[in-house]
Structure formats: structure tokens, C-alpha cells
Amino acid sequence: MRIPKAVSAEEIVWTKYGRCAFRQEFEMPDGKVSDFYLLKANSRPVIIFPVTTDRNVITINQFRFAANRVIRELPSGNAKEGQTPKDVARAELLEETGYEACKILTLGTEMWFDPASWRASATFVLAIDCKKVAEQKLDATESIEIDVMPLSKWLGEIKDGCITDMKSIAITLMAMPYL
């Protein structure tokens, strides 16, 4: 397979909230040059599959601006300077849900959201034996309600099309062998 080659630097179009849009030219296999407008993030997001000691799934209902509606999904967050994926998972789980995990396992480290237009991959982690230890501490731009449910209900909602967040569906598949 002949692979397109980047022939220009990334030209930033805009930057905000740790994300940016950029333009970049690629030489196609036939020799023609095409420009692409792509998105990327400044840090790799961490997606968390949290389960309680009795194997209930800790889900969140969060208003998502791009979808312009509330989406049921799993907790997630972006790394701050010097944080490891496990640090991010512990901090975001506590902030978004008030739960703390006894153990965190890394499930995948380069899981792509949309490799056609989004130059960002995520790390998937499983948070095991989570216990409620605090109240939520949400960011000013977050609106989140917690919903703890049996794994069978979560899987049923995925099957029935109620869960529409692709990253939450993908991490569920990755977590199943450990549950």
C-alpha cells in the first residue's frame, strides 16, 4: 500500500480548551497534493470503566455541547502536566463521581476516536472495586448526574441503542474479560 506523505507543517486555524484545528497538506499516492483540515488535542484523554465492589457500573449522564443533549457515558478526563493515565483516572473518577478505585488496570493505550479527522487517541482503563468516598467536584463547564447500574443493565442499554457514546461502548468490550 502506498501511503500519503505530509508535505507541509501543521498550520493552526484555532486553539481553545486544549484542542485545536489545523490544516496540513499531504502528497497522495498519485503525486497530487491535497489539503486536510484536522483536529487534535494537547493531551491524551483517559476513558474509565468504573465498577463497584459488587460489579455495578458507575455511569454518568452529562450534557455534551456537540451533541446538544445529555449523553449517558463513562467518566473520562484529560491529563494535566505530569499526570500518568492512572493519575488521570483516579482524579477524574473522584471529581466526576465521588468514587475511588482500589485498583486500576490499563486496557488500551492508543484507542482512536475518529482517525479520519481527529488526531487524538485515548487510553482506556478499568477501575476496580470502586467505593463512594466523596461528593462530586465538577468543573464550571460540567453538568453531570451519576447513575450506578448492574452490568447487565448497562449491556442491555448498549444492545438496545440507548448508549450512543462510541468510546463508552468500545471500552465496555475491552473491559468484559475482566468482569
Foldseek 3Di string as FASTA:
>chain_A
DDDWAWDDDWAWPDDDPQKTWTKTWTQDPVRDIDIAIAMEGNFAKEFEFEAAQVGWTKWKFKQDPVVRHTAIFGWMDTDDPPDDSVNRVQVRCCQQAQKGAPDKDWQDAFADDDVVGYPHGHTYMYGYNIDRHGHHNDDPPIDMDIDIGHPVVVVVCVVVVRHDDVVRVVSNVSCVVVD
